[in-house]
C-alpha cells in the first residue's frame, strides 16, 4: 500500500511543480518595447529662448550633468511616454533631496520654467 501512495503523491504534486516554472522568455524585441522613450529640451533661461539643448533616450539613463550654459531654467516636454518620469536636480549628482522638477507625460509640451526659481544642474530618468 505504501508503494502505491508515493507515486500517487508525486503525480498529484507534478502539475503544481510544472506550473511554477517559466515556459519561455519574451524575445528581446518585446523587452525593448517595454522601455519608456523620453525626449525633452532644456533652456538656459525661463523663456525657452536661445540655445536649445535636446536630450532623448529609452529606459533609465543614470545621472547626467554638465549642462551647456551652466544649467537649465526651463524645459519643454517634447515626448515623455506614459509611466515615465524625468527628474531634474539642482545639484550635479542627482541627489534625491535636491530634486526640483519631474517631467511627465501629462505635462504640457510648451515652455515651462523649472519649479521654485531654481536652476537644474542634472537629470535622470
Protein backbone atom coordinates (compact mmCIF):
# COMPACT_ATOMS: atom_id res chain seq x y z
CA UNK A 1 0.00 0.00 0.00
CA UNK A 2 2.83 2.41 0.81
CA UNK A 3 4.42 1.82 -2.61
CA UNK A 4 1.23 2.93 -4.36
CA UNK A 5 0.78 6.08 -2.23
CA UNK A 6 4.20 7.58 -3.07
CA UNK A 7 3.71 7.51 -6.88
CA UNK A 8 0.20 8.92 -6.46
CA UNK A 9 1.55 11.75 -4.30
CA UNK A 10 4.21 12.52 -6.93
CA UNK A 11 1.59 12.62 -9.69
CA UNK A 12 -0.59 14.90 -7.57
CA UNK A 13 2.25 17.40 -6.97
CA UNK A 14 3.64 17.30 -10.52
CA UNK A 15 1.19 19.85 -12.03
CA UNK A 16 1.91 22.31 -9.19
CA UNK A 17 5.66 21.98 -9.73
CA UNK A 18 5.35 22.42 -13.51
CA UNK A 19 3.00 25.41 -13.17
CA UNK A 20 5.64 27.31 -11.20
CA UNK A 21 8.26 27.09 -13.92
CA UNK A 22 8.50 29.73 -16.66
CA UNK A 23 7.61 28.30 -20.04
CA UNK A 24 9.62 30.73 -22.17
CA UNK A 25 11.38 34.08 -22.13
CA UNK A 26 9.97 37.00 -24.13
CA UNK A 27 12.03 37.92 -27.17
CA UNK A 28 14.49 40.78 -26.71
CA UNK A 29 12.37 42.94 -29.06
CA UNK A 30 9.45 42.60 -26.65
CA UNK A 31 11.67 43.65 -23.74
CA UNK A 32 12.83 46.68 -25.73
CA UNK A 33 9.21 47.67 -26.38
CA UNK A 34 8.57 47.86 -22.61
CA UNK A 35 11.25 50.54 -22.11
CA UNK A 36 9.93 54.09 -21.94
CA UNK A 37 11.01 56.65 -24.52
CA UNK A 38 11.71 60.21 -23.49
CA UNK A 39 12.72 63.43 -25.25
CA UNK A 40 12.90 66.91 -23.74
CA UNK A 41 14.64 70.22 -24.37
CA UNK A 42 16.45 72.32 -21.77
CA UNK A 43 16.99 76.09 -21.91
CA UNK A 44 19.35 78.46 -20.09
CA UNK A 45 16.59 80.99 -19.46
CA UNK A 46 12.99 80.73 -18.24
CA UNK A 47 11.56 81.92 -21.60
CA UNK A 48 12.94 78.98 -23.63
CA UNK A 49 14.81 81.40 -25.84
CA UNK A 50 18.34 80.98 -27.10
CA UNK A 51 20.19 77.71 -27.47
CA UNK A 52 18.10 74.54 -27.29
CA UNK A 53 19.78 71.50 -25.75
CA UNK A 54 17.83 68.33 -26.53
CA UNK A 55 18.04 65.08 -24.60
CA UNK A 56 16.43 61.78 -25.52
CA UNK A 57 16.68 58.14 -24.63
CA UNK A 58 14.98 54.91 -23.82
CA UNK A 59 14.64 53.46 -20.34
CA UNK A 60 16.72 54.52 -17.35
CA UNK A 61 19.56 56.88 -18.07
CA UNK A 62 21.52 57.28 -14.87
CA UNK A 63 22.58 60.75 -13.76
CA UNK A 64 23.50 63.32 -16.42
CA UNK A 65 25.12 66.64 -15.55
CA UNK A 66 27.42 69.25 -17.15
CA UNK A 67 24.59 71.07 -18.92
CA UNK A 68 25.59 73.59 -21.55
CA UNK A 69 25.38 77.25 -20.49
CA UNK A 70 25.75 76.38 -16.80
CA UNK A 71 22.33 74.86 -16.11
CA UNK A 72 18.70 74.97 -17.17
CA UNK A 73 15.97 77.35 -16.02
CA UNK A 74 13.20 75.99 -18.30
CA UNK A 75 12.25 72.91 -20.29
CA UNK A 76 9.90 71.66 -22.98
CA UNK A 77 8.41 68.17 -22.75
CA UNK A 78 8.87 67.02 -26.36
CA UNK A 79 7.72 63.42 -25.78
CA UNK A 80 7.66 61.57 -22.47
CA UNK A 81 5.93 58.16 -22.56
CA UNK A 82 3.18 57.41 -20.05
CA UNK A 83 4.68 55.86 -16.93
CA UNK A 84 7.99 57.64 -17.46
CA UNK A 85 9.41 60.49 -15.35
CA UNK A 86 12.48 62.59 -15.98
CA UNK A 87 13.70 64.19 -12.77
CA UNK A 88 15.65 67.47 -12.67
CA UNK A 89 18.00 68.23 -9.77
CA UNK A 90 19.65 71.43 -8.53
CA UNK A 91 22.98 69.65 -7.87
CA UNK A 92 25.26 67.78 -10.29
CA UNK A 93 24.87 64.39 -8.53
CA UNK A 94 21.11 63.76 -8.88
CA UNK A 95 20.80 63.70 -5.08
CA UNK A 96 17.26 62.76 -4.02
CA UNK A 97 16.94 65.71 -1.63
CA UNK A 98 17.80 68.20 -4.42
CA UNK A 99 15.08 67.21 -6.92
CA UNK A 100 13.29 70.32 -8.20
CA UNK A 101 11.10 69.10 -11.08
CA UNK A 102 9.56 65.98 -12.67
CA UNK A 103 8.79 65.97 -16.36
CA UNK A 104 5.93 63.52 -17.03
CA UNK A 105 3.77 62.52 -19.99
CA UNK A 106 0.86 64.73 -18.93
CA UNK A 107 2.93 67.92 -18.61
CA UNK A 108 2.33 70.39 -21.44
CA UNK A 109 4.64 70.44 -24.44
CA UNK A 110 5.02 74.23 -24.06
CA UNK A 111 7.85 76.10 -22.37
CA UNK A 112 7.77 75.60 -18.59
CA UNK A 113 10.14 77.27 -16.11
CA UNK A 114 11.83 74.98 -13.62
CA UNK A 115 9.97 74.98 -10.30
CA UNK A 116 10.89 77.12 -7.33
CA UNK A 117 13.02 79.55 -9.39
CA UNK A 118 15.90 77.08 -9.31
CA UNK A 119 18.45 76.12 -11.94
CA UNK A 120 18.68 72.45 -12.88
CA UNK A 121 22.20 71.04 -12.90
CA UNK A 122 21.47 67.34 -13.57
CA UNK A 123 18.75 64.90 -14.60
CA UNK A 124 17.91 61.21 -14.60
CA UNK A 125 15.11 59.06 -15.98
